[in-house]
Amino acid sequence: MEIRQRSMGPVLCLDLKGRFVLDQEEALKDIVANELSQGRREFVLNLKDVTAMDTSGLSAMIWVKQTVSGMNGAVKLLHLPSRIRDLLVVTKLVTLFDVIDGEDDPANLVRAVAS
């Protein structure tokens, strides 16, 4: 899996691409932990180009959500593919995450994460 980082003001957008499966989740955790240690508290996980996700990927997303929330931060999911949305519904994790549908206006994205 590839992870591209984009800063939008106080929000760090992490564009995930490829298979979010076993042995790929540590990269996401490392990035988030590093950014948290530097004071960043607002994150967007862009899942548009994620082609597959298993329980390790789900576990990493839960870890990110709980860790960031525990530090009074916010995590939103962006461009959630239907197959991943279905996975979140089946596992009853859909209520844990807030989903943003678009990023056409970066200022709106920042406000969406902050709220």
N, C-alpha and C. Protein backbone atom coordinates (compact mmCIF):
# COMPACT_ATOMS: atom_id res chain seq x y z
N MET A 1 0.84 -1.17 0.00
CA MET A 1 0.00 0.00 0.00
C MET A 1 0.89 1.23 0.00
N GLU A 2 0.49 2.21 -0.75
CA GLU A 2 1.17 3.50 -0.78
C GLU A 2 0.36 4.49 0.06
N ILE A 3 1.05 5.40 0.73
CA ILE A 3 0.38 6.46 1.48
C ILE A 3 1.02 7.79 1.09
N ARG A 4 0.21 8.65 0.52
CA ARG A 4 0.66 10.00 0.17
C ARG A 4 0.09 10.96 1.19
N GLN A 5 0.91 11.89 1.66
CA GLN A 5 0.48 12.86 2.66
C GLN A 5 0.28 14.22 2.01
N ARG A 6 -0.87 14.84 2.33
CA ARG A 6 -1.16 16.19 1.85
C ARG A 6 -1.62 17.02 3.03
N SER A 7 -1.02 18.18 3.19
CA SER A 7 -1.42 19.08 4.26
C SER A 7 -2.42 20.09 3.73
N MET A 8 -3.53 20.24 4.45
CA MET A 8 -4.55 21.24 4.11
C MET A 8 -4.79 22.06 5.37
N GLY A 9 -3.93 23.04 5.57
CA GLY A 9 -4.02 23.80 6.81
C GLY A 9 -3.69 22.87 7.96
N PRO A 10 -4.55 22.85 8.97
CA PRO A 10 -4.28 21.99 10.13
C PRO A 10 -4.58 20.51 9.89
N VAL A 11 -5.19 20.19 8.75
CA VAL A 11 -5.61 18.82 8.46
C VAL A 11 -4.56 18.11 7.62
N LEU A 12 -4.23 16.88 8.02
CA LEU A 12 -3.35 16.04 7.20
C LEU A 12 -4.23 15.02 6.49
N CYS A 13 -4.21 15.06 5.17
CA CYS A 13 -4.94 14.09 4.37
C CYS A 13 -3.98 12.98 3.97
N LEU A 14 -4.34 11.76 4.30
CA LEU A 14 -3.54 10.59 3.94
C LEU A 14 -4.27 9.85 2.83
N ASP A 15 -3.70 9.91 1.63
CA ASP A 15 -4.27 9.22 0.47
C ASP A 15 -3.71 7.81 0.45
N LEU A 16 -4.57 6.83 0.68
CA LEU A 16 -4.16 5.42 0.70
C LEU A 16 -4.44 4.81 -0.66
N LYS A 17 -3.48 4.04 -1.15
CA LYS A 17 -3.64 3.42 -2.47
C LYS A 17 -3.15 1.98 -2.42
N GLY A 18 -3.99 1.07 -2.93
CA GLY A 18 -3.59 -0.33 -3.00
C GLY A 18 -4.32 -1.18 -1.99
N ARG A 19 -3.68 -2.27 -1.59
CA ARG A 19 -4.29 -3.25 -0.68
C ARG A 19 -3.95 -2.89 0.76
N PHE A 20 -4.97 -2.61 1.55
CA PHE A 20 -4.82 -2.27 2.97
C PHE A 20 -5.05 -3.55 3.76
N VAL A 21 -4.01 -4.36 3.81
CA VAL A 21 -4.12 -5.71 4.38
C VAL A 21 -2.96 -5.97 5.34
N LEU A 22 -2.93 -7.20 5.87
CA LEU A 22 -1.89 -7.62 6.81
C LEU A 22 -0.51 -7.16 6.35
N ASP A 23 0.27 -6.67 7.27
CA ASP A 23 1.63 -6.17 7.04
C ASP A 23 1.67 -4.80 6.37
N GLN A 24 0.53 -4.21 6.08
CA GLN A 24 0.50 -2.87 5.49
C GLN A 24 0.04 -1.82 6.49
N GLU A 25 -0.55 -2.25 7.59
CA GLU A 25 -1.17 -1.32 8.52
C GLU A 25 -0.17 -0.53 9.35
N GLU A 26 1.02 -1.07 9.56
CA GLU A 26 2.01 -0.38 10.40
C GLU A 26 2.45 0.95 9.81
N ALA A 27 2.50 1.06 8.50
CA ALA A 27 2.89 2.32 7.87
C ALA A 27 1.93 3.44 8.25
N LEU A 28 0.64 3.15 8.22
CA LEU A 28 -0.36 4.16 8.59
C LEU A 28 -0.21 4.53 10.06
N LYS A 29 -0.09 3.54 10.92
CA LYS A 29 0.06 3.81 12.36
C LYS A 29 1.31 4.66 12.63
N ASP A 30 2.41 4.35 11.95
CA ASP A 30 3.65 5.10 12.15
C ASP A 30 3.49 6.56 11.75
N ILE A 31 2.85 6.80 10.61
CA ILE A 31 2.65 8.18 10.15
C ILE A 31 1.80 8.94 11.15
N VAL A 32 0.69 8.36 11.56
CA VAL A 32 -0.22 9.04 12.48
C VAL A 32 0.47 9.29 13.82
N ALA A 33 1.17 8.30 14.36
CA ALA A 33 1.88 8.48 15.63
C ALA A 33 2.91 9.60 15.53
N ASN A 34 3.64 9.64 14.43
CA ASN A 34 4.64 10.69 14.23
C ASN A 34 3.99 12.07 14.17
N GLU A 35 2.90 12.17 13.41
CA GLU A 35 2.21 13.46 13.28
C GLU A 35 1.60 13.90 14.62
N LEU A 36 1.06 12.96 15.38
CA LEU A 36 0.52 13.29 16.70
C LEU A 36 1.62 13.82 17.62
N SER A 37 2.80 13.22 17.55
CA SER A 37 3.91 13.66 18.40
C SER A 37 4.37 15.07 18.03
N GLN A 38 4.05 15.50 16.81
CA GLN A 38 4.40 16.84 16.37
C GLN A 38 3.25 17.83 16.54
N GLY A 39 2.17 17.37 17.17
CA GLY A 39 1.07 18.27 17.48
C GLY A 39 -0.11 18.26 16.53
N ARG A 40 -0.03 17.49 15.47
CA ARG A 40 -1.16 17.41 14.52
C ARG A 40 -2.29 16.65 15.18
N ARG A 41 -3.54 17.13 15.00
CA ARG A 41 -4.68 16.49 15.64
C ARG A 41 -5.85 16.21 14.69
N GLU A 42 -5.75 16.62 13.42
CA GLU A 42 -6.86 16.45 12.48
C GLU A 42 -6.39 15.69 11.25
N PHE A 43 -7.09 14.59 10.96
CA PHE A 43 -6.69 13.68 9.89
C PHE A 43 -7.88 13.32 9.01
N VAL A 44 -7.59 13.14 7.74
CA VAL A 44 -8.55 12.59 6.79
C VAL A 44 -7.88 11.38 6.14
N LEU A 45 -8.58 10.26 6.15
CA LEU A 45 -8.10 9.07 5.44
C LEU A 45 -8.86 8.96 4.14
N ASN A 46 -8.18 9.20 3.03
CA ASN A 46 -8.80 9.11 1.71
C ASN A 46 -8.65 7.68 1.21
N LEU A 47 -9.78 6.98 1.13
CA LEU A 47 -9.77 5.56 0.77
C LEU A 47 -10.17 5.31 -0.68
N LYS A 48 -10.23 6.35 -1.47
CA LYS A 48 -10.69 6.24 -2.85
C LYS A 48 -9.97 5.15 -3.65
N ASP A 49 -8.66 5.04 -3.47
CA ASP A 49 -7.86 4.11 -4.27
C ASP A 49 -7.46 2.84 -3.51
N VAL A 50 -8.18 2.53 -2.43
CA VAL A 50 -7.93 1.28 -1.71
C VAL A 50 -8.67 0.17 -2.46
N THR A 51 -7.93 -0.84 -2.87
CA THR A 51 -8.51 -1.91 -3.69
C THR A 51 -9.00 -3.09 -2.86
N ALA A 52 -8.47 -3.25 -1.65
CA ALA A 52 -8.88 -4.35 -0.77
C ALA A 52 -8.56 -3.97 0.67
N MET A 53 -9.38 -4.49 1.59
CA MET A 53 -9.13 -4.25 3.00
C MET A 53 -9.52 -5.51 3.77
N ASP A 54 -8.66 -5.90 4.71
CA ASP A 54 -8.98 -7.03 5.56
C ASP A 54 -9.08 -6.56 7.01
N THR A 55 -9.14 -7.50 7.94
CA THR A 55 -9.31 -7.13 9.34
C THR A 55 -8.12 -6.34 9.88
N SER A 56 -6.95 -6.54 9.31
CA SER A 56 -5.78 -5.76 9.73
C SER A 56 -5.95 -4.29 9.35
N GLY A 57 -6.48 -4.05 8.17
CA GLY A 57 -6.77 -2.68 7.74
C GLY A 57 -7.82 -2.04 8.62
N LEU A 58 -8.89 -2.79 8.91
CA LEU A 58 -9.93 -2.29 9.81
C LEU A 58 -9.36 -1.98 11.18
N SER A 59 -8.54 -2.88 11.68
CA SER A 59 -7.92 -2.70 12.98
C SER A 59 -7.06 -1.44 13.02
N ALA A 60 -6.31 -1.19 11.96
CA ALA A 60 -5.48 0.01 11.89
C ALA A 60 -6.33 1.27 11.89
N MET A 61 -7.44 1.25 11.15
CA MET A 61 -8.33 2.42 11.12
C MET A 61 -8.93 2.66 12.51
N ILE A 62 -9.30 1.61 13.21
CA ILE A 62 -9.84 1.75 14.57
C ILE A 62 -8.77 2.30 15.50
N TRP A 63 -7.55 1.81 15.37
CA TRP A 63 -6.45 2.31 16.19
C TRP A 63 -6.25 3.81 15.96
N VAL A 64 -6.25 4.21 14.68
CA VAL A 64 -6.09 5.63 14.34
C VAL A 64 -7.21 6.44 14.99
N LYS A 65 -8.44 6.00 14.82
CA LYS A 65 -9.59 6.73 15.37
C LYS A 65 -9.48 6.86 16.89
N GLN A 66 -9.21 5.76 17.58
CA GLN A 66 -9.14 5.79 19.04
C GLN A 66 -7.96 6.60 19.54
N THR A 67 -6.82 6.46 18.90
CA THR A 67 -5.62 7.18 19.32
C THR A 67 -5.77 8.68 19.12
N VAL A 68 -6.25 9.08 17.95
CA VAL A 68 -6.43 10.50 17.66
C VAL A 68 -7.53 11.09 18.54
N SER A 69 -8.64 10.38 18.69
CA SER A 69 -9.73 10.87 19.55
C SER A 69 -9.27 11.01 20.99
N GLY A 70 -8.41 10.09 21.44
CA GLY A 70 -7.89 10.15 22.79
C GLY A 70 -7.01 11.36 23.05
N MET A 71 -6.57 11.99 21.98
CA MET A 71 -5.75 13.20 22.09
C MET A 71 -6.56 14.43 21.64
N ASN A 72 -7.89 14.31 21.74
CA ASN A 72 -8.81 15.39 21.38
C ASN A 72 -8.69 15.80 19.91
N GLY A 73 -8.41 14.83 19.06
CA GLY A 73 -8.32 15.09 17.64
C GLY A 73 -9.52 14.54 16.89
N ALA A 74 -9.45 14.61 15.56
CA ALA A 74 -10.56 14.16 14.72
C ALA A 74 -10.02 13.38 13.53
N VAL A 75 -10.76 12.33 13.16
CA VAL A 75 -10.44 11.52 11.98
C VAL A 75 -11.72 11.39 11.16
N LYS A 76 -11.61 11.66 9.87
CA LYS A 76 -12.73 11.48 8.95
C LYS A 76 -12.28 10.59 7.81
N LEU A 77 -13.22 9.88 7.23
CA LEU A 77 -12.96 9.06 6.06
C LEU A 77 -13.46 9.79 4.82
N LEU A 78 -12.68 9.75 3.76
CA LEU A 78 -13.01 10.45 2.52
C LEU A 78 -13.09 9.45 1.38
N HIS A 79 -14.06 9.66 0.49
CA HIS A 79 -14.22 8.82 -0.71
C HIS A 79 -14.25 7.33 -0.37
N LEU A 80 -15.19 6.97 0.45
CA LEU A 80 -15.31 5.59 0.91
C LEU A 80 -15.90 4.72 -0.20
N PRO A 81 -15.11 3.79 -0.77
CA PRO A 81 -15.64 2.91 -1.82
C PRO A 81 -16.78 2.04 -1.26
N SER A 82 -17.71 1.68 -2.10
CA SER A 82 -18.89 0.93 -1.64
C SER A 82 -18.51 -0.39 -0.98
N ARG A 83 -17.50 -1.07 -1.49
CA ARG A 83 -17.12 -2.35 -0.89
C ARG A 83 -16.56 -2.17 0.53
N ILE A 84 -15.89 -1.06 0.77
CA ILE A 84 -15.38 -0.79 2.13
C ILE A 84 -16.51 -0.29 3.02
N ARG A 85 -17.42 0.51 2.47
CA ARG A 85 -18.59 0.93 3.24
C ARG A 85 -19.39 -0.30 3.66
N ASP A 86 -19.57 -1.25 2.75
CA ASP A 86 -20.29 -2.49 3.07
C ASP A 86 -19.57 -3.26 4.18
N LEU A 87 -18.26 -3.31 4.13
CA LEU A 87 -17.48 -3.99 5.16
C LEU A 87 -17.69 -3.32 6.52
N LEU A 88 -17.71 -1.99 6.54
CA LEU A 88 -17.94 -1.27 7.79
C LEU A 88 -19.36 -1.50 8.32
N VAL A 89 -20.32 -1.63 7.42
CA VAL A 89 -21.71 -1.89 7.84
C VAL A 89 -21.81 -3.31 8.42
N VAL A 90 -21.26 -4.29 7.72
CA VAL A 90 -21.34 -5.68 8.17
C VAL A 90 -20.68 -5.85 9.54
N THR A 91 -19.56 -5.16 9.74
CA THR A 91 -18.84 -5.28 11.02
C THR A 91 -19.38 -4.33 12.09
N LYS A 92 -20.40 -3.56 11.73
CA LYS A 92 -21.03 -2.59 12.63
C LYS A 92 -20.06 -1.51 13.11
N LEU A 93 -19.05 -1.24 12.29
CA LEU A 93 -18.08 -0.19 12.61
C LEU A 93 -18.42 1.12 11.92
N VAL A 94 -19.45 1.11 11.09
CA VAL A 94 -19.79 2.30 10.32
C VAL A 94 -20.11 3.49 11.23
N THR A 95 -20.67 3.23 12.39
CA THR A 95 -21.03 4.33 13.29
C THR A 95 -19.82 4.93 14.00
N LEU A 96 -18.70 4.26 13.96
CA LEU A 96 -17.48 4.76 14.59
C LEU A 96 -16.86 5.90 13.79
N PHE A 97 -17.07 5.91 12.49
CA PHE A 97 -16.39 6.86 11.61
C PHE A 97 -17.35 7.86 10.99
N ASP A 98 -16.86 9.08 10.82
CA ASP A 98 -17.55 10.09 10.05
C ASP A 98 -17.01 10.04 8.63
N VAL A 99 -17.91 10.16 7.65
CA VAL A 99 -17.51 10.06 6.25
C VAL A 99 -17.77 11.38 5.55
N ILE A 100 -16.76 11.84 4.80
CA ILE A 100 -16.87 13.03 3.97
C ILE A 100 -16.94 12.55 2.52
N ASP A 101 -17.87 13.09 1.77
CA ASP A 101 -18.06 12.61 0.40
C ASP A 101 -17.17 13.28 -0.63
N GLY A 102 -16.72 14.50 -0.40
CA GLY A 102 -15.92 15.18 -1.41
C GLY A 102 -14.94 16.15 -0.81
N GLU A 103 -13.98 16.54 -1.62
CA GLU A 103 -12.97 17.50 -1.17
C GLU A 103 -12.81 18.63 -2.19
N ASP A 104 -13.91 18.98 -2.85
CA ASP A 104 -13.83 19.99 -3.88
C ASP A 104 -13.42 21.35 -3.34
N ASP A 105 -13.67 21.61 -2.07
CA ASP A 105 -13.28 22.87 -1.45
C ASP A 105 -12.48 22.55 -0.19
N PRO A 106 -11.15 22.74 -0.23
CA PRO A 106 -10.33 22.40 0.93
C PRO A 106 -10.78 23.09 2.22
N ALA A 107 -11.30 24.30 2.13
CA ALA A 107 -11.76 25.00 3.34
C ALA A 107 -12.93 24.24 3.97
N ASN A 108 -13.84 23.72 3.13
CA ASN A 108 -14.96 22.92 3.65
C ASN A 108 -14.46 21.64 4.28
N LEU A 109 -13.43 21.04 3.70
CA LEU A 109 -12.87 19.82 4.25
C LEU A 109 -12.29 20.08 5.64
N VAL A 110 -11.58 21.18 5.79
CA VAL A 110 -11.02 21.55 7.09
C VAL A 110 -12.12 21.76 8.11
N ARG A 111 -13.18 22.45 7.72
CA ARG A 111 -14.31 22.67 8.63
C ARG A 111 -14.99 21.34 8.97
N ALA A 112 -15.11 20.44 8.01
CA ALA A 112 -15.74 19.15 8.25
C ALA A 112 -14.95 18.33 9.26
N VAL A 113 -13.66 18.40 9.19
CA VAL A 113 -12.83 17.64 10.14
C VAL A 113 -12.92 18.28 11.51
N ALA A 114 -12.92 19.58 11.56
CA ALA A 114 -12.94 20.29 12.85
C ALA A 114 -14.26 20.09 13.58
N SER A 115 -15.34 19.83 12.85
CA SER A 115 -16.65 19.70 13.51
C SER A 115 -16.90 18.30 14.03
